Each structure stands twice: as structure tokens, then as C-alpha cells.
Amino acid sequence: MAFWLMKSEPDVFSWDDLVAKGATGEPWDGVRNYQARNNMRAMKLGERAFFYHSRGSAPAVVGISEVIAEAHPDPTTEDPRWECVDVRAQAPFPRAVTLAEIKAEPRLAEMVLVRNSRLSVQPVREEEWRLVCEMGGARP
């Protein structure tokens, strides 16, 4: 099973917005970066992703979402190059883990978020997943 991190601007679509969608979840649409799209193409049902608020006073991992539909055409465009997955909220983080905390943790120095903070959908290694969950008080 692979792990992921998916970024969203909280003023556009927040963790609370995903929670409000309930079990039906939401398409992770509007992504227009080939590497992020390819990461979504690699996602499998049941895999989990950190929900990351990318803007605001302190960008942070705030929850865990689950992939509930594999890659399919993005409904926000007729361009066949763009695809998305559907996700639903699984669990909030008891305590948000900020980007500053992640960057300060030496064991996370190779995390994609640290090395390429602009990529909106990115893989997370299992050891990184466990450590960030631990930092936020969440069950891995």
C-alpha cells in the first residue's frame, strides 16, 4: 500500500469541506500538473493520503483521507489529459503538523514535501507516514 500527501488551499477547499462531503467524498479535481496527475494515476482504492492545508498562517497536515475511486476523467475539463481520484475524509489529526515542524525533523529531510513543496499530489514513504502521524497524535 502506498501513502500520499494532497494539498489544498483551505480558503478554496478545506479539511472541513471534505468532512462535510461524508462517505460520498469528493473528486480531487482541478490538478493541472503532469507529475501530480501521474501520482493520482498511481493511487489505488483504500490508499491513504495526508490532507495538507497549503496556505494560511501555518501550512500543515490536518487530516487523513482515503482514495475511494481510482483515476478517472477530471469533471472540470473536457481535456482528456487531466484525471483525478475521489477521496473522503478518514480521520482528523488531533494536532496539525506544520511545514515548519516537518522541515525541522531531520528524519523527514528527504520527504517530497521538504524537497519539492510546490507539488500538489505527492508520494509519502511509509516511514515518513508513521513519523508524521506520530507527530500529530494520529494512528498510522
N, C-alpha and C. Protein backbone atom coordinates (compact mmCIF):
# COMPACT_ATOMS: atom_id res chain seq x y z
N MET A 1 0.84 -1.18 0.00
CA MET A 1 0.00 0.00 0.00
C MET A 1 0.88 1.24 0.00
N ALA A 2 0.55 2.17 -0.86
CA ALA A 2 1.29 3.43 -0.94
C ALA A 2 0.59 4.50 -0.09
N PHE A 3 1.35 5.52 0.25
CA PHE A 3 0.82 6.66 1.01
C PHE A 3 1.09 7.93 0.21
N TRP A 4 0.27 8.94 0.45
CA TRP A 4 0.29 10.16 -0.35
C TRP A 4 0.09 11.40 0.51
N LEU A 5 0.34 12.55 -0.09
CA LEU A 5 0.00 13.84 0.50
C LEU A 5 -0.68 14.64 -0.59
N MET A 6 -1.83 15.24 -0.24
CA MET A 6 -2.60 16.03 -1.19
C MET A 6 -2.83 17.40 -0.59
N LYS A 7 -2.45 18.42 -1.37
CA LYS A 7 -2.53 19.80 -0.88
C LYS A 7 -3.80 20.48 -1.35
N SER A 8 -4.34 21.31 -0.47
CA SER A 8 -5.48 22.15 -0.83
C SER A 8 -5.37 23.47 -0.08
N GLU A 9 -5.76 24.52 -0.76
CA GLU A 9 -5.81 25.82 -0.10
C GLU A 9 -7.08 25.84 0.75
N PRO A 10 -6.96 26.07 2.06
CA PRO A 10 -8.13 25.96 2.93
C PRO A 10 -9.25 26.94 2.62
N ASP A 11 -8.93 28.06 1.97
CA ASP A 11 -9.99 29.00 1.61
C ASP A 11 -10.72 28.58 0.34
N VAL A 12 -10.16 27.58 -0.38
CA VAL A 12 -10.80 27.05 -1.59
C VAL A 12 -11.52 25.75 -1.27
N PHE A 13 -10.84 24.80 -0.64
CA PHE A 13 -11.43 23.53 -0.22
C PHE A 13 -10.66 23.04 0.99
N SER A 14 -11.30 23.05 2.14
CA SER A 14 -10.63 22.75 3.40
C SER A 14 -10.93 21.32 3.86
N TRP A 15 -10.23 20.94 4.91
CA TRP A 15 -10.50 19.65 5.56
C TRP A 15 -11.97 19.59 5.97
N ASP A 16 -12.49 20.65 6.55
CA ASP A 16 -13.89 20.67 6.96
C ASP A 16 -14.83 20.48 5.78
N ASP A 17 -14.46 21.00 4.62
CA ASP A 17 -15.27 20.80 3.41
C ASP A 17 -15.30 19.33 3.03
N LEU A 18 -14.14 18.66 3.11
CA LEU A 18 -14.10 17.23 2.77
C LEU A 18 -14.91 16.43 3.78
N VAL A 19 -14.78 16.76 5.06
CA VAL A 19 -15.56 16.07 6.09
C VAL A 19 -17.06 16.21 5.80
N ALA A 20 -17.47 17.40 5.39
CA ALA A 20 -18.89 17.66 5.11
C ALA A 20 -19.41 16.83 3.94
N LYS A 21 -18.54 16.37 3.06
CA LYS A 21 -18.97 15.53 1.92
C LYS A 21 -19.36 14.13 2.36
N GLY A 22 -18.94 13.74 3.56
CA GLY A 22 -19.32 12.44 4.10
C GLY A 22 -18.73 11.27 3.32
N ALA A 23 -19.45 10.16 3.35
CA ALA A 23 -18.97 8.92 2.75
C ALA A 23 -18.85 9.00 1.23
N THR A 24 -19.59 9.89 0.60
CA THR A 24 -19.52 10.01 -0.86
C THR A 24 -18.24 10.68 -1.32
N GLY A 25 -17.59 11.42 -0.45
CA GLY A 25 -16.32 12.04 -0.77
C GLY A 25 -16.42 13.09 -1.85
N GLU A 26 -15.30 13.32 -2.51
CA GLU A 26 -15.20 14.41 -3.48
C GLU A 26 -14.10 14.10 -4.50
N PRO A 27 -14.32 14.42 -5.78
CA PRO A 27 -13.22 14.30 -6.74
C PRO A 27 -12.11 15.31 -6.41
N TRP A 28 -10.87 14.87 -6.51
CA TRP A 28 -9.72 15.77 -6.30
C TRP A 28 -9.39 16.37 -7.66
N ASP A 29 -10.24 17.29 -8.08
CA ASP A 29 -10.19 17.80 -9.44
C ASP A 29 -9.41 19.11 -9.53
N GLY A 30 -9.21 19.55 -10.76
CA GLY A 30 -8.55 20.83 -10.99
C GLY A 30 -7.04 20.79 -11.00
N VAL A 31 -6.45 19.61 -10.84
CA VAL A 31 -4.98 19.50 -10.84
C VAL A 31 -4.49 19.61 -12.27
N ARG A 32 -3.56 20.53 -12.50
CA ARG A 32 -3.04 20.77 -13.85
C ARG A 32 -1.51 20.72 -13.86
N ASN A 33 -0.99 19.69 -13.25
CA ASN A 33 0.45 19.44 -13.22
C ASN A 33 0.63 17.97 -13.58
N TYR A 34 1.47 17.68 -14.55
CA TYR A 34 1.61 16.31 -15.03
C TYR A 34 2.13 15.35 -13.96
N GLN A 35 3.08 15.78 -13.16
CA GLN A 35 3.63 14.90 -12.13
C GLN A 35 2.56 14.59 -11.09
N ALA A 36 1.79 15.59 -10.67
CA ALA A 36 0.70 15.36 -9.71
C ALA A 36 -0.36 14.45 -10.32
N ARG A 37 -0.69 14.67 -11.60
CA ARG A 37 -1.67 13.81 -12.27
C ARG A 37 -1.16 12.37 -12.31
N ASN A 38 0.11 12.19 -12.64
CA ASN A 38 0.67 10.85 -12.70
C ASN A 38 0.65 10.18 -11.33
N ASN A 39 0.85 10.96 -10.28
CA ASN A 39 0.75 10.40 -8.93
C ASN A 39 -0.68 9.93 -8.67
N MET A 40 -1.67 10.69 -9.11
CA MET A 40 -3.05 10.25 -8.92
C MET A 40 -3.35 8.99 -9.74
N ARG A 41 -2.76 8.89 -10.92
CA ARG A 41 -2.94 7.68 -11.72
C ARG A 41 -2.40 6.45 -11.01
N ALA A 42 -1.41 6.63 -10.15
CA ALA A 42 -0.80 5.52 -9.43
C ALA A 42 -1.59 5.13 -8.17
N MET A 43 -2.51 5.96 -7.74
CA MET A 43 -3.26 5.70 -6.50
C MET A 43 -4.23 4.53 -6.67
N LYS A 44 -4.36 3.75 -5.61
CA LYS A 44 -5.24 2.59 -5.59
C LYS A 44 -6.32 2.76 -4.52
N LEU A 45 -7.44 2.07 -4.72
CA LEU A 45 -8.53 2.12 -3.75
C LEU A 45 -8.03 1.78 -2.36
N GLY A 46 -8.48 2.54 -1.38
CA GLY A 46 -8.14 2.28 0.01
C GLY A 46 -6.84 2.90 0.48
N GLU A 47 -6.03 3.39 -0.45
CA GLU A 47 -4.79 4.04 -0.01
C GLU A 47 -5.13 5.35 0.69
N ARG A 48 -4.23 5.74 1.58
CA ARG A 48 -4.48 6.93 2.38
C ARG A 48 -3.56 8.07 1.99
N ALA A 49 -4.06 9.28 2.25
CA ALA A 49 -3.28 10.49 1.92
C ALA A 49 -3.42 11.49 3.06
N PHE A 50 -2.32 12.17 3.35
CA PHE A 50 -2.40 13.31 4.24
C PHE A 50 -3.17 14.42 3.54
N PHE A 51 -4.07 15.07 4.26
CA PHE A 51 -4.75 16.27 3.76
C PHE A 51 -3.95 17.44 4.31
N TYR A 52 -3.42 18.23 3.40
CA TYR A 52 -2.48 19.30 3.76
C TYR A 52 -3.06 20.65 3.37
N HIS A 53 -3.21 21.53 4.37
CA HIS A 53 -3.61 22.91 4.09
C HIS A 53 -2.37 23.67 3.65
N SER A 54 -2.38 24.14 2.40
CA SER A 54 -1.16 24.70 1.82
C SER A 54 -0.99 26.20 2.02
N ARG A 55 -1.97 26.86 2.52
CA ARG A 55 -1.84 28.31 2.72
C ARG A 55 -2.33 28.67 4.11
N GLY A 56 -2.23 29.94 4.42
CA GLY A 56 -2.65 30.40 5.74
C GLY A 56 -1.43 30.71 6.58
N SER A 57 -1.67 30.93 7.84
CA SER A 57 -0.58 31.33 8.72
C SER A 57 0.44 30.21 8.93
N ALA A 58 0.00 28.96 8.88
CA ALA A 58 0.92 27.86 9.09
C ALA A 58 0.48 26.66 8.25
N PRO A 59 1.05 26.48 7.04
CA PRO A 59 0.72 25.31 6.24
C PRO A 59 0.95 24.05 7.07
N ALA A 60 0.01 23.07 6.98
CA ALA A 60 0.10 21.92 7.87
C ALA A 60 -0.71 20.73 7.38
N VAL A 61 -0.28 19.55 7.81
CA VAL A 61 -1.06 18.33 7.66
C VAL A 61 -2.16 18.38 8.72
N VAL A 62 -3.42 18.25 8.29
CA VAL A 62 -4.53 18.39 9.22
C VAL A 62 -5.42 17.16 9.32
N GLY A 63 -5.24 16.19 8.41
CA GLY A 63 -6.10 15.01 8.46
C GLY A 63 -5.61 13.94 7.51
N ILE A 64 -6.34 12.82 7.54
CA ILE A 64 -6.06 11.68 6.68
C ILE A 64 -7.30 11.41 5.84
N SER A 65 -7.08 11.31 4.52
CA SER A 65 -8.17 10.97 3.62
C SER A 65 -7.88 9.59 3.01
N GLU A 66 -8.91 9.05 2.34
CA GLU A 66 -8.82 7.72 1.74
C GLU A 66 -9.24 7.81 0.28
N VAL A 67 -8.53 7.11 -0.60
CA VAL A 67 -8.90 7.06 -2.01
C VAL A 67 -10.10 6.13 -2.15
N ILE A 68 -11.20 6.66 -2.71
CA ILE A 68 -12.42 5.86 -2.87
C ILE A 68 -12.78 5.62 -4.34
N ALA A 69 -12.07 6.26 -5.27
CA ALA A 69 -12.22 5.99 -6.70
C ALA A 69 -10.88 6.27 -7.36
N GLU A 70 -10.43 5.31 -8.15
CA GLU A 70 -9.15 5.47 -8.84
C GLU A 70 -9.28 6.49 -9.97
N ALA A 71 -8.17 6.79 -10.61
CA ALA A 71 -8.11 7.85 -11.62
C ALA A 71 -9.19 7.70 -12.68
N HIS A 72 -9.82 8.83 -12.96
CA HIS A 72 -10.88 8.92 -13.97
C HIS A 72 -10.85 10.33 -14.54
N PRO A 73 -11.55 10.58 -15.65
CA PRO A 73 -11.51 11.91 -16.25
C PRO A 73 -11.93 13.00 -15.25
N ASP A 74 -11.19 14.09 -15.24
CA ASP A 74 -11.49 15.22 -14.37
C ASP A 74 -12.76 15.90 -14.88
N PRO A 75 -13.80 15.98 -14.04
CA PRO A 75 -15.06 16.55 -14.49
C PRO A 75 -15.03 18.07 -14.72
N THR A 76 -13.93 18.73 -14.35
CA THR A 76 -13.87 20.18 -14.52
C THR A 76 -13.28 20.61 -15.86
N THR A 77 -12.97 19.62 -16.73
CA THR A 77 -12.41 19.95 -18.05
C THR A 77 -12.80 18.88 -19.06
N GLU A 78 -12.82 19.27 -20.31
CA GLU A 78 -13.05 18.31 -21.39
C GLU A 78 -11.73 17.82 -21.97
N ASP A 79 -10.62 18.33 -21.48
CA ASP A 79 -9.30 17.94 -21.94
C ASP A 79 -8.98 16.54 -21.39
N PRO A 80 -8.82 15.54 -22.25
CA PRO A 80 -8.61 14.17 -21.78
C PRO A 80 -7.28 13.92 -21.08
N ARG A 81 -6.38 14.89 -21.10
CA ARG A 81 -5.10 14.71 -20.41
C ARG A 81 -5.24 14.71 -18.90
N TRP A 82 -6.32 15.32 -18.39
CA TRP A 82 -6.42 15.54 -16.95
C TRP A 82 -7.38 14.55 -16.30
N GLU A 83 -6.88 13.96 -15.23
CA GLU A 83 -7.65 12.97 -14.47
C GLU A 83 -7.61 13.33 -13.00
N CYS A 84 -8.46 12.67 -12.25
CA CYS A 84 -8.48 12.88 -10.80
C CYS A 84 -8.90 11.58 -10.11
N VAL A 85 -8.74 11.55 -8.81
CA VAL A 85 -9.25 10.46 -7.98
C VAL A 85 -10.31 11.06 -7.08
N ASP A 86 -11.11 10.19 -6.46
CA ASP A 86 -12.07 10.64 -5.46
C ASP A 86 -11.53 10.26 -4.09
N VAL A 87 -11.71 11.15 -3.13
CA VAL A 87 -11.25 10.90 -1.76
C VAL A 87 -12.36 11.24 -0.77
N ARG A 88 -12.26 10.64 0.40
CA ARG A 88 -13.16 11.01 1.51
C ARG A 88 -12.33 11.14 2.77
N ALA A 89 -12.84 11.92 3.69
CA ALA A 89 -12.16 12.12 4.97
C ALA A 89 -12.18 10.82 5.76
N GLN A 90 -11.05 10.50 6.35
CA GLN A 90 -10.97 9.32 7.19
C GLN A 90 -10.83 9.69 8.66
N ALA A 91 -9.89 10.59 8.98
CA ALA A 91 -9.69 10.98 10.38
C ALA A 91 -8.94 12.30 10.45
N PRO A 92 -9.36 13.18 11.36
CA PRO A 92 -8.60 14.42 11.55
C PRO A 92 -7.34 14.14 12.36
N PHE A 93 -6.37 15.00 12.22
CA PHE A 93 -5.20 14.94 13.09
C PHE A 93 -5.58 15.58 14.41
N PRO A 94 -5.28 14.93 15.54
CA PRO A 94 -5.54 15.58 16.83
C PRO A 94 -4.82 16.91 16.96
N ARG A 95 -3.63 16.99 16.34
CA ARG A 95 -2.86 18.22 16.34
C ARG A 95 -2.24 18.38 14.96
N ALA A 96 -2.48 19.52 14.32
CA ALA A 96 -1.91 19.76 13.00
C ALA A 96 -0.38 19.72 13.08
N VAL A 97 0.24 19.19 12.03
CA VAL A 97 1.70 19.14 11.94
C VAL A 97 2.11 20.14 10.86
N THR A 98 2.77 21.20 11.29
CA THR A 98 3.11 22.29 10.38
C THR A 98 4.29 21.94 9.47
N LEU A 99 4.37 22.66 8.38
CA LEU A 99 5.51 22.51 7.47
C LEU A 99 6.81 22.82 8.21
N ALA A 100 6.79 23.82 9.06
CA ALA A 100 7.99 24.16 9.82
C ALA A 100 8.44 22.99 10.70
N GLU A 101 7.50 22.30 11.33
CA GLU A 101 7.85 21.13 12.16
C GLU A 101 8.41 20.00 11.30
N ILE A 102 7.79 19.79 10.14
CA ILE A 102 8.27 18.74 9.24
C ILE A 102 9.69 19.06 8.78
N LYS A 103 9.94 20.30 8.39
CA LYS A 103 11.28 20.69 7.95
C LYS A 103 12.31 20.61 9.07
N ALA A 104 11.88 20.79 10.29
CA ALA A 104 12.79 20.75 11.44
C ALA A 104 13.15 19.33 11.87
N GLU A 105 12.40 18.35 11.39
CA GLU A 105 12.64 16.95 11.77
C GLU A 105 13.66 16.33 10.82
N PRO A 106 14.88 16.04 11.29
CA PRO A 106 15.92 15.51 10.40
C PRO A 106 15.52 14.23 9.67
N ARG A 107 14.71 13.40 10.30
CA ARG A 107 14.30 12.14 9.66
C ARG A 107 13.36 12.36 8.48
N LEU A 108 12.88 13.59 8.31
CA LEU A 108 11.99 13.91 7.19
C LEU A 108 12.68 14.75 6.11
N ALA A 109 13.98 14.85 6.19
CA ALA A 109 14.74 15.71 5.27
C ALA A 109 14.58 15.31 3.80
N GLU A 110 14.31 14.05 3.52
CA GLU A 110 14.15 13.59 2.14
C GLU A 110 12.68 13.53 1.70
N MET A 111 11.78 13.91 2.56
CA MET A 111 10.36 13.89 2.20
C MET A 111 10.11 14.83 1.01
N VAL A 112 9.27 14.41 0.07
CA VAL A 112 8.99 15.23 -1.10
C VAL A 112 8.50 16.62 -0.68
N LEU A 113 7.68 16.70 0.35
CA LEU A 113 7.17 17.98 0.82
C LEU A 113 8.29 18.95 1.17
N VAL A 114 9.38 18.42 1.69
CA VAL A 114 10.53 19.25 2.07
C VAL A 114 11.35 19.63 0.84
N ARG A 115 11.49 18.71 -0.08
CA ARG A 115 12.34 18.93 -1.27
C ARG A 115 11.61 19.62 -2.42
N ASN A 116 10.30 19.41 -2.53
CA ASN A 116 9.52 19.98 -3.64
C ASN A 116 8.17 20.42 -3.10
N SER A 117 8.18 21.49 -2.36
CA SER A 117 6.97 21.90 -1.62
C SER A 117 5.85 22.38 -2.53
N ARG A 118 6.10 22.57 -3.82
CA ARG A 118 5.05 23.05 -4.72
C ARG A 118 4.18 21.94 -5.30
N LEU A 119 4.64 20.70 -5.29
CA LEU A 119 3.90 19.59 -5.89
C LEU A 119 2.63 19.30 -5.09
N SER A 120 1.48 19.36 -5.75
CA SER A 120 0.20 19.30 -5.04
C SER A 120 -0.26 17.89 -4.66
N VAL A 121 0.22 16.88 -5.35
CA VAL A 121 -0.09 15.48 -5.02
C VAL A 121 1.23 14.74 -5.08
N GLN A 122 1.63 14.17 -3.94
CA GLN A 122 2.97 13.60 -3.87
C GLN A 122 3.00 12.33 -3.04
N PRO A 123 3.96 11.44 -3.33
CA PRO A 123 4.08 10.22 -2.54
C PRO A 123 4.71 10.51 -1.19
N VAL A 124 4.40 9.64 -0.24
CA VAL A 124 4.98 9.70 1.11
C VAL A 124 5.48 8.29 1.43
N ARG A 125 6.72 8.18 1.83
CA ARG A 125 7.26 6.86 2.21
C ARG A 125 6.63 6.41 3.52
N GLU A 126 6.56 5.10 3.70
CA GLU A 126 5.90 4.55 4.89
C GLU A 126 6.51 5.07 6.19
N GLU A 127 7.82 5.17 6.26
CA GLU A 127 8.45 5.66 7.50
C GLU A 127 8.11 7.13 7.73
N GLU A 128 7.99 7.90 6.66
CA GLU A 128 7.57 9.31 6.78
C GLU A 128 6.11 9.38 7.26
N TRP A 129 5.27 8.51 6.70
CA TRP A 129 3.87 8.45 7.10
C TRP A 129 3.76 8.22 8.61
N ARG A 130 4.45 7.21 9.09
CA ARG A 130 4.37 6.86 10.51
C ARG A 130 4.87 8.00 11.40
N LEU A 131 5.95 8.64 11.00
CA LEU A 131 6.52 9.72 11.80
C LEU A 131 5.61 10.94 11.84
N VAL A 132 5.05 11.34 10.70
CA VAL A 132 4.15 12.50 10.68
C VAL A 132 2.89 12.19 11.49
N CYS A 133 2.37 10.96 11.36
CA CYS A 133 1.21 10.57 12.19
C CYS A 133 1.56 10.68 13.67
N GLU A 134 2.71 10.19 14.05
CA GLU A 134 3.16 10.26 15.45
C GLU A 134 3.25 11.72 15.91
N MET A 135 3.80 12.58 15.07
CA MET A 135 3.94 13.99 15.42
C MET A 135 2.59 14.65 15.64
N GLY A 136 1.57 14.20 14.89
CA GLY A 136 0.25 14.80 15.01
C GLY A 136 -0.69 14.05 15.94
N GLY A 137 -0.20 13.00 16.57
CA GLY A 137 -1.04 12.24 17.50
C GLY A 137 -2.09 11.38 16.82
N ALA A 138 -1.86 11.03 15.55
CA ALA A 138 -2.81 10.21 14.79
C ALA A 138 -2.33 8.78 14.71
N ARG A 139 -3.26 7.87 14.54
CA ARG A 139 -2.89 6.45 14.36
C ARG A 139 -2.45 6.24 12.92
N PRO A 140 -1.28 5.63 12.73
CA PRO A 140 -0.82 5.39 11.34
C PRO A 140 -1.68 4.32 10.69
